[in-house]
């Protein structure tokens, strides 16, 4: 964790005045400051090291833009944020180049892949075998088209209770239909 007693702004001003030791200390302390920020946002240690190196290079290249009257940390974090976004953008765009074309996949799927074999009417006999409250809820939601909230209002239950009852009914139906 970065030491809060480090005066980053003073180190940067000294570095800009030509103090090589202050600059080395500034870069080391900046690394310790930014590493936890990157660890939370990236997946691997190698990735963290690579992005941190890019950030330090960017700080080096942009050091002439630093305003010595303003705090150092927000300036450094802004650079870090932009470098991180650049890294993520390039990483994800590289992965997109390797992605399958959805049109090609669509043509290779069987025609009935999205066809629902079970309509409410085809399983209504099984629905009627459920406990009365569950059957009523499913009937209202799937045959009459009411939302869970509307069903709750009509039968005097809480919406969450309606959803739980429907979920339990779906589970029972699924087990019966899989047999």
Protein backbone atom coordinates (compact mmCIF):
# COMPACT_ATOMS: atom_id res chain seq x y z
CA UNK A 1 0.00 0.00 0.00
CA UNK A 2 1.27 3.48 -0.79
CA UNK A 3 2.66 5.52 2.08
CA UNK A 4 0.43 8.52 2.79
CA UNK A 5 3.41 10.51 4.04
CA UNK A 6 4.96 10.65 0.56
CA UNK A 7 4.74 14.14 -0.93
CA UNK A 8 4.32 13.20 -4.57
CA UNK A 9 3.93 16.81 -5.68
CA UNK A 10 7.22 17.84 -4.05
CA UNK A 11 9.00 14.84 -5.59
CA UNK A 12 7.64 15.73 -9.03
CA UNK A 13 8.70 19.37 -8.69
CA UNK A 14 12.21 18.24 -7.65
CA UNK A 15 12.30 15.79 -10.56
CA UNK A 16 11.29 18.53 -12.98
CA UNK A 17 14.13 20.64 -11.58
CA UNK A 18 16.57 17.86 -12.55
CA UNK A 19 16.85 15.78 -9.34
CA UNK A 20 17.33 12.23 -10.67
CA UNK A 21 17.06 10.63 -7.21
CA UNK A 22 13.73 12.37 -6.57
CA UNK A 23 12.49 11.17 -9.96
CA UNK A 24 13.48 7.55 -9.22
CA UNK A 25 11.75 7.77 -5.83
CA UNK A 26 8.67 9.31 -7.45
CA UNK A 27 8.39 6.50 -10.00
CA UNK A 28 8.84 3.82 -7.31
CA UNK A 29 6.23 5.41 -5.06
CA UNK A 30 3.88 5.91 -8.01
CA UNK A 31 4.21 2.19 -8.78
CA UNK A 32 3.23 1.34 -5.21
CA UNK A 33 0.35 3.80 -5.40
CA UNK A 34 -1.07 2.47 -8.68
CA UNK A 35 -0.48 -1.28 -8.32
CA UNK A 36 -3.55 -1.90 -6.06
CA UNK A 37 -5.68 0.15 -8.48
CA UNK A 38 -4.61 -2.11 -11.34
CA UNK A 39 -4.80 -5.37 -9.38
CA UNK A 40 -8.50 -4.74 -8.76
CA UNK A 41 -9.16 -4.22 -12.46
CA UNK A 42 -6.95 -6.74 -14.26
CA UNK A 43 -6.80 -10.53 -14.19
CA UNK A 44 -3.14 -11.47 -14.11
CA UNK A 45 0.02 -10.22 -12.50
CA UNK A 46 1.76 -10.03 -15.88
CA UNK A 47 -1.02 -7.82 -17.17
CA UNK A 48 -0.70 -5.55 -14.13
CA UNK A 49 3.05 -5.25 -14.67
CA UNK A 50 2.64 -4.49 -18.37
CA UNK A 51 0.00 -1.82 -17.83
CA UNK A 52 1.94 -0.31 -14.92
CA UNK A 53 4.99 -0.04 -17.15
CA UNK A 54 2.88 1.68 -19.84
CA UNK A 55 1.55 4.10 -17.22
CA UNK A 56 5.03 4.97 -15.98
CA UNK A 57 6.20 5.56 -19.55
CA UNK A 58 3.18 7.82 -20.13
CA UNK A 59 3.92 9.73 -16.93
CA UNK A 60 7.50 10.15 -18.10
CA UNK A 61 6.41 11.40 -21.51
CA UNK A 62 3.78 13.73 -20.04
CA UNK A 63 5.83 15.06 -17.12
CA UNK A 64 6.16 18.45 -18.84
CA UNK A 65 2.36 18.85 -18.59
CA UNK A 66 2.33 18.53 -14.80
CA UNK A 67 1.26 21.75 -13.06
CA UNK A 68 3.35 21.99 -9.87
CA UNK A 69 0.63 23.98 -8.12
CA UNK A 70 -1.84 21.08 -8.36
CA UNK A 71 -1.83 17.67 -6.62
CA UNK A 72 0.13 14.87 -8.25
CA UNK A 73 -2.15 11.91 -7.45
CA UNK A 74 -5.19 12.98 -9.52
CA UNK A 75 -2.88 13.74 -12.45
CA UNK A 76 -1.23 10.30 -12.17
CA UNK A 77 -4.57 8.52 -11.71
CA UNK A 78 -5.96 10.23 -14.81
CA UNK A 79 -3.03 8.94 -16.85
CA UNK A 80 -3.45 5.49 -15.27
CA UNK A 81 -7.14 5.44 -16.11
CA UNK A 82 -6.53 6.30 -19.76
CA UNK A 83 -3.73 3.73 -20.12
CA UNK A 84 -5.90 1.07 -18.46
CA UNK A 85 -8.80 1.86 -20.80
CA UNK A 86 -6.46 1.73 -23.80
CA UNK A 87 -5.20 -1.67 -22.64
CA UNK A 88 -8.70 -3.06 -22.08
CA UNK A 89 -9.95 -1.67 -25.39
CA UNK A 90 -7.11 -3.31 -27.32
CA UNK A 91 -7.41 -6.54 -25.33
CA UNK A 92 -11.13 -6.89 -26.00
CA UNK A 93 -10.88 -5.82 -29.63
CA UNK A 94 -8.18 -8.48 -30.16
CA UNK A 95 -10.54 -11.07 -28.68
CA UNK A 96 -13.33 -9.90 -30.96
CA UNK A 97 -11.21 -10.63 -34.02
CA UNK A 98 -11.08 -14.29 -32.93
CA UNK A 99 -14.84 -14.48 -32.25
CA UNK A 100 -17.12 -16.59 -34.40
CA UNK A 101 -19.32 -14.79 -36.88
CA UNK A 102 -22.87 -15.03 -35.54
CA UNK A 103 -24.32 -15.37 -39.05
CA UNK A 104 -22.18 -18.44 -39.70
CA UNK A 105 -23.28 -19.98 -36.41
CA UNK A 106 -26.91 -19.22 -37.10
CA UNK A 107 -26.79 -21.14 -40.38
CA UNK A 108 -25.36 -24.22 -38.67
CA UNK A 109 -28.07 -24.44 -35.99
CA UNK A 110 -31.01 -26.78 -36.39
CA UNK A 111 -34.19 -25.00 -37.44
CA UNK A 112 -36.12 -25.80 -34.28
CA UNK A 113 -33.47 -24.68 -31.78
CA UNK A 114 -35.65 -21.91 -30.38
CA UNK A 115 -38.95 -23.69 -30.76
CA UNK A 116 -40.70 -24.18 -27.44
CA UNK A 117 -42.20 -27.65 -27.48
CA UNK A 118 -44.42 -26.98 -24.49
CA UNK A 119 -47.29 -24.58 -24.83
CA UNK A 120 -49.43 -23.87 -21.80
CA UNK A 121 -52.29 -25.79 -23.41
CA UNK A 122 -50.13 -28.89 -23.84
CA UNK A 123 -49.23 -29.02 -20.16
CA UNK A 124 -52.45 -27.64 -18.66
CA UNK A 125 -53.36 -31.11 -17.38
CA UNK A 126 -50.13 -31.20 -15.36
CA UNK A 127 -50.69 -27.64 -14.16
CA UNK A 128 -54.14 -28.60 -12.82
CA UNK A 129 -52.54 -31.39 -10.73
CA UNK A 130 -50.47 -28.77 -8.84
CA UNK A 131 -51.67 -27.35 -5.52
CA UNK A 132 -54.54 -24.88 -6.05
CA UNK A 133 -52.55 -21.71 -5.39
CA UNK A 134 -49.67 -22.69 -7.70
CA UNK A 135 -52.07 -23.74 -10.46
CA UNK A 136 -53.94 -20.43 -10.16
CA UNK A 137 -50.72 -18.44 -10.33
CA UNK A 138 -49.45 -20.28 -13.43
CA UNK A 139 -52.85 -20.04 -15.10
CA UNK A 140 -53.01 -16.28 -14.52
CA UNK A 141 -49.43 -15.68 -15.63
CA UNK A 142 -49.28 -17.94 -18.67
CA UNK A 143 -52.82 -18.34 -19.89
CA UNK A 144 -54.22 -14.93 -19.00
CA UNK A 145 -50.95 -12.99 -19.42
CA UNK A 146 -50.74 -11.24 -16.04
CA UNK A 147 -47.41 -10.19 -14.53
CA UNK A 148 -46.33 -11.45 -11.10
CA UNK A 149 -47.18 -8.05 -9.63
CA UNK A 150 -50.69 -8.11 -11.13
CA UNK A 151 -51.27 -11.67 -9.92
CA UNK A 152 -50.17 -10.67 -6.43
CA UNK A 153 -52.63 -7.78 -6.38
CA UNK A 154 -55.51 -9.92 -7.66
CA UNK A 155 -55.10 -12.82 -5.23
CA UNK A 156 -53.88 -10.82 -2.23
CA UNK A 157 -50.30 -12.07 -1.98
CA UNK A 158 -46.96 -10.31 -1.99
CA UNK A 159 -45.21 -10.20 -5.35
CA UNK A 160 -42.20 -12.07 -3.96
CA UNK A 161 -44.50 -14.84 -2.66
CA UNK A 162 -46.09 -15.16 -6.11
CA UNK A 163 -42.64 -15.47 -7.70
CA UNK A 164 -41.56 -18.11 -5.17
CA UNK A 165 -44.75 -20.11 -5.69
CA UNK A 166 -44.35 -19.89 -9.48
CA UNK A 167 -40.72 -20.98 -9.24
CA UNK A 168 -41.67 -23.99 -7.13
CA UNK A 169 -44.42 -24.88 -9.57
CA UNK A 170 -41.99 -24.63 -12.50
CA UNK A 171 -39.60 -26.94 -10.69
CA UNK A 172 -42.31 -29.56 -10.10
CA UNK A 173 -43.49 -29.31 -13.73
CA UNK A 174 -39.96 -29.58 -15.04
CA UNK A 175 -39.37 -32.75 -13.04
CA UNK A 176 -42.65 -34.28 -14.25
CA UNK A 177 -42.04 -33.36 -17.88
CA UNK A 178 -38.47 -34.63 -17.87
CA UNK A 179 -39.77 -38.04 -16.84
